[in-house]
Protein backbone atom coordinates (compact mmCIF):
# COMPACT_ATOMS: atom_id res chain seq x y z
CA UNK A 1 120.68 99.73 90.98
CA UNK A 2 117.86 98.79 88.60
CA UNK A 3 114.30 98.84 89.86
CA UNK A 4 112.88 95.32 89.84
CA UNK A 5 109.09 95.42 90.17
CA UNK A 6 108.88 91.66 90.69
CA UNK A 7 111.14 91.94 93.73
CA UNK A 8 109.39 95.03 95.06
CA UNK A 9 105.85 93.58 95.05
CA UNK A 10 106.42 91.42 98.18
CA UNK A 11 107.90 94.46 99.94
CA UNK A 12 104.93 96.59 98.99
CA UNK A 13 102.63 93.89 100.32
CA UNK A 14 104.50 93.92 103.64
CA UNK A 15 104.25 97.71 103.84
CA UNK A 16 100.51 97.70 103.20
CA UNK A 17 99.77 94.84 105.63
CA UNK A 18 99.59 97.06 108.77
CA UNK A 19 97.41 99.55 106.88
CA UNK A 20 95.04 96.75 105.88
CA UNK A 21 94.87 95.58 109.49
CA UNK A 22 94.23 99.13 110.71
CA UNK A 23 91.42 99.54 108.16
CA UNK A 24 89.92 96.25 109.36
CA UNK A 25 89.83 97.31 113.02
CA UNK A 26 89.21 101.05 112.45
CA UNK A 27 85.48 101.09 113.19
CA UNK A 28 85.95 99.07 116.37
CA UNK A 29 88.46 101.54 117.78
CA UNK A 30 87.32 104.29 120.16
CA UNK A 31 88.13 107.92 119.40
CA UNK A 32 90.86 107.89 122.03
CA UNK A 33 93.26 104.92 121.98
CA UNK A 34 96.40 103.93 123.91
CA UNK A 35 99.49 105.40 122.25
CA UNK A 36 102.14 105.08 124.94
CA UNK A 37 103.24 102.44 127.44
CA UNK A 38 105.75 102.69 130.29
CA UNK A 39 108.68 100.39 130.98
CA UNK A 40 106.37 97.99 132.84
CA UNK A 41 104.13 97.68 129.78
CA UNK A 42 101.32 99.68 131.40
CA UNK A 43 99.30 102.20 129.41
CA UNK A 44 100.28 105.73 130.41
CA UNK A 45 99.13 107.81 127.46
CA UNK A 46 96.14 108.16 125.13
CA UNK A 47 95.63 109.98 121.86
CA UNK A 48 93.51 110.20 118.74
CA UNK A 49 93.28 107.05 116.68
CA UNK A 50 94.32 109.14 113.68
CA UNK A 51 97.82 109.10 115.17
CA UNK A 52 98.00 105.39 114.38
CA UNK A 53 98.25 106.26 110.68
CA UNK A 54 101.36 108.32 111.41
CA UNK A 55 102.80 105.39 113.36
CA UNK A 56 102.54 103.17 110.30
CA UNK A 57 104.29 105.76 108.16
CA UNK A 58 107.10 106.01 110.71
CA UNK A 59 107.69 102.25 110.80
CA UNK A 60 107.28 100.19 107.58
CA UNK A 61 106.76 103.05 105.12
CA UNK A 62 109.73 105.14 106.23
CA UNK A 63 111.95 102.04 106.37
CA UNK A 64 110.96 101.07 102.82
CA UNK A 65 111.43 104.59 101.47
CA UNK A 66 114.87 104.95 103.07
CA UNK A 67 116.07 101.69 101.53
CA UNK A 68 114.77 102.88 98.15
CA UNK A 69 116.59 106.20 98.40
CA UNK A 70 119.96 105.00 99.72
CA UNK A 71 121.20 103.42 96.44
CA UNK A 72 120.12 106.52 94.50
CA UNK A 73 122.08 108.99 96.62
CA UNK A 74 125.11 106.80 97.36
CA UNK A 75 127.89 108.88 95.71
CA UNK A 76 130.28 105.96 95.30
CA UNK A 77 127.61 103.39 94.40
CA UNK A 78 129.07 100.98 96.93
CA UNK A 79 125.63 99.80 98.08
CA UNK A 80 124.92 98.45 94.61
CA UNK A 81 127.87 96.08 94.95
CA UNK A 82 126.03 94.25 97.72
CA UNK A 83 123.67 92.86 95.09
CA UNK A 84 121.00 90.57 96.52
CA UNK A 85 122.41 91.06 100.02
CA UNK A 86 121.07 94.61 100.01
CA UNK A 87 117.62 93.43 98.88
CA UNK A 88 117.58 90.73 101.57
CA UNK A 89 118.51 93.30 104.22
CA UNK A 90 115.78 95.63 102.97
CA UNK A 91 113.23 92.81 103.02
CA UNK A 92 114.27 91.80 106.53
CA UNK A 93 113.99 95.34 107.91
CA UNK A 94 110.64 96.06 106.24
CA UNK A 95 109.27 92.74 107.46
CA UNK A 96 110.27 93.45 111.07
CA UNK A 97 108.88 97.00 111.01
CA UNK A 98 105.58 95.80 109.54
CA UNK A 99 105.36 93.02 112.11
CA UNK A 100 106.08 95.48 114.92
CA UNK A 101 103.37 97.81 113.60
CA UNK A 102 100.83 94.96 113.54
CA UNK A 103 101.67 94.00 117.14
CA UNK A 104 101.25 97.60 118.29
CA UNK A 105 97.89 97.86 116.53
CA UNK A 106 96.78 94.62 118.16
CA UNK A 107 97.56 95.94 121.63
CA UNK A 108 95.88 99.24 120.81
CA UNK A 109 92.73 97.41 119.73
CA UNK A 110 92.67 95.24 122.83
CA UNK A 111 93.52 98.26 125.06
CA UNK A 112 95.62 95.86 127.13
CA UNK A 113 98.92 96.35 128.87
CA UNK A 114 101.64 96.27 126.29
CA UNK A 115 104.08 93.37 126.50
CA UNK A 116 107.42 95.11 125.99
CA UNK A 117 109.12 91.75 125.70
CA UNK A 118 107.64 91.38 122.22
CA UNK A 119 109.31 94.62 121.17
CA UNK A 120 112.64 93.52 122.66
CA UNK A 121 112.44 90.15 120.92
CA UNK A 122 111.77 91.84 117.56
CA UNK A 123 114.64 94.26 118.16
CA UNK A 124 116.85 91.33 119.11
CA UNK A 125 116.05 89.60 115.82
CA UNK A 126 116.78 92.85 114.01
CA UNK A 127 120.22 93.02 115.64
CA UNK A 128 120.89 89.39 114.70
CA UNK A 129 119.85 90.07 111.11
CA UNK A 130 121.95 93.21 110.78
CA UNK A 131 124.94 91.40 112.25
CA UNK A 132 124.53 88.69 109.66
CA UNK A 133 124.78 91.28 106.87
CA UNK A 134 127.67 93.31 108.28
CA UNK A 135 130.44 91.29 106.54
CA UNK A 136 128.77 91.85 103.15
CA UNK A 137 128.68 95.65 103.49
CA UNK A 138 130.97 97.66 101.28
CA UNK A 139 132.33 100.99 102.56
CA UNK A 140 129.49 103.53 102.23
CA UNK A 141 128.04 106.56 103.96
CA UNK A 142 124.65 105.11 104.91
CA UNK A 143 124.72 101.55 106.26
CA UNK A 144 127.13 99.94 108.68
CA UNK A 145 129.67 101.03 111.30
CA UNK A 146 130.50 104.40 109.80
CA UNK A 147 133.31 105.89 111.86
CA UNK A 148 136.02 108.25 110.56
CA UNK A 149 138.46 105.33 110.74
CA UNK A 150 136.36 102.78 108.82
CA UNK A 151 135.51 105.30 106.12
CA UNK A 152 139.16 106.31 105.82
CA UNK A 153 140.54 102.80 105.41
CA UNK A 154 138.82 99.94 103.57
CA UNK A 155 140.85 97.30 105.42
CA UNK A 156 139.70 98.72 108.77
CA UNK A 157 136.13 98.76 107.44
CA UNK A 158 136.36 95.04 106.64
CA UNK A 159 137.98 94.15 109.96
CA UNK A 160 135.50 96.18 111.97
CA UNK A 161 132.47 94.72 110.18
CA UNK A 162 133.84 91.21 110.51
CA UNK A 163 134.09 91.70 114.26
CA UNK A 164 130.83 93.66 114.43
CA UNK A 165 128.98 90.98 112.49
CA UNK A 166 129.94 88.26 114.98
CA UNK A 167 129.32 90.54 117.95
CA UNK A 168 125.89 91.69 116.80
CA UNK A 169 124.79 88.21 115.72
CA UNK A 170 125.78 86.48 118.95
CA UNK A 171 124.90 89.48 121.12
CA UNK A 172 121.47 89.78 119.54
CA UNK A 173 120.78 86.09 120.17
CA UNK A 174 121.93 86.31 123.78
CA UNK A 175 119.91 89.47 124.48
CA UNK A 176 116.79 87.91 122.94
CA UNK A 177 117.10 84.79 125.10
CA UNK A 178 117.73 86.80 128.27
CA UNK A 179 114.74 89.05 127.58
CA UNK A 180 112.47 86.00 127.35
CA UNK A 181 113.42 84.66 130.78
CA UNK A 182 114.20 87.75 132.86
CA UNK A 183 111.69 90.01 134.62
CA UNK A 184 110.68 92.94 132.39
CA UNK A 185 112.55 95.64 134.34
CA UNK A 186 115.74 93.56 134.38
CA UNK A 187 115.30 92.70 130.71
CA UNK A 188 115.07 96.42 129.91
CA UNK A 189 118.36 97.09 131.70
CA UNK A 190 120.07 94.14 130.00
CA UNK A 191 118.89 95.34 126.61
CA UNK A 192 120.07 98.91 127.16
CA UNK A 193 123.50 97.76 128.39
CA UNK A 194 123.72 95.27 125.52
CA UNK A 195 122.99 97.95 122.92
CA UNK A 196 125.68 100.18 124.41
CA UNK A 197 128.23 97.34 124.19
CA UNK A 198 127.29 96.46 120.61
CA UNK A 199 127.69 100.08 119.54
CA UNK A 200 130.82 101.02 121.48
CA UNK A 201 132.99 97.93 120.96
CA UNK A 202 133.18 98.21 117.12
CA UNK A 203 133.78 101.97 117.36
CA UNK A 204 136.67 101.50 119.80
CA UNK A 205 138.01 98.59 117.73
CA UNK A 206 138.05 100.69 114.54
CA UNK A 207 139.94 103.47 116.32
CA UNK A 208 142.50 101.04 117.74
CA UNK A 209 143.03 99.44 114.33
CA UNK A 210 143.51 102.88 112.79
CA UNK A 211 146.06 103.84 115.45
CA UNK A 212 147.90 100.56 114.93
CA UNK A 213 148.10 101.09 111.17
CA UNK A 214 149.23 104.73 111.41
């Protein structure tokens, strides 16, 4: 996959956005800042503000770097066959991670209780986005529903990702809407159960399809 600087510039801008925001608020931050919140969104841990730099590397930077490396180490070069779909997925993921980082920095600066619903909404959008891209994924070792049965059989890969795409898209939308209207503790439970369903159903489906084709 050829490196396209024109396409990468917007991604680089997204990656640097949280760093620019952190630099802007740096002098206004105390030495010790909130770094952890409980399920109720209440601050329950403090740490050095230097740890915020690590947070930014673990969110947008790591996401960007991983998407840069995957096409290079893909032994079958299947990811390259996604074409612009892969770039759009990369842009979507980097955008969400940068946005999440900015939200976290905002709550750190304000030293207020953290609204976990914002995190759940962003994660819900991420699930919707990934589900939208599932049908375009070619069999590979890095992205998608990688079970022994999908990797063994390309037809099962396609069937599983067709089902998974619909399930993740609709499930992500439903989870996002429920999170907005339910109490936080209930929303947390719904989200955890929803994630389990979204993960397990495609895995079980791929195994059943493999058994049926054997």
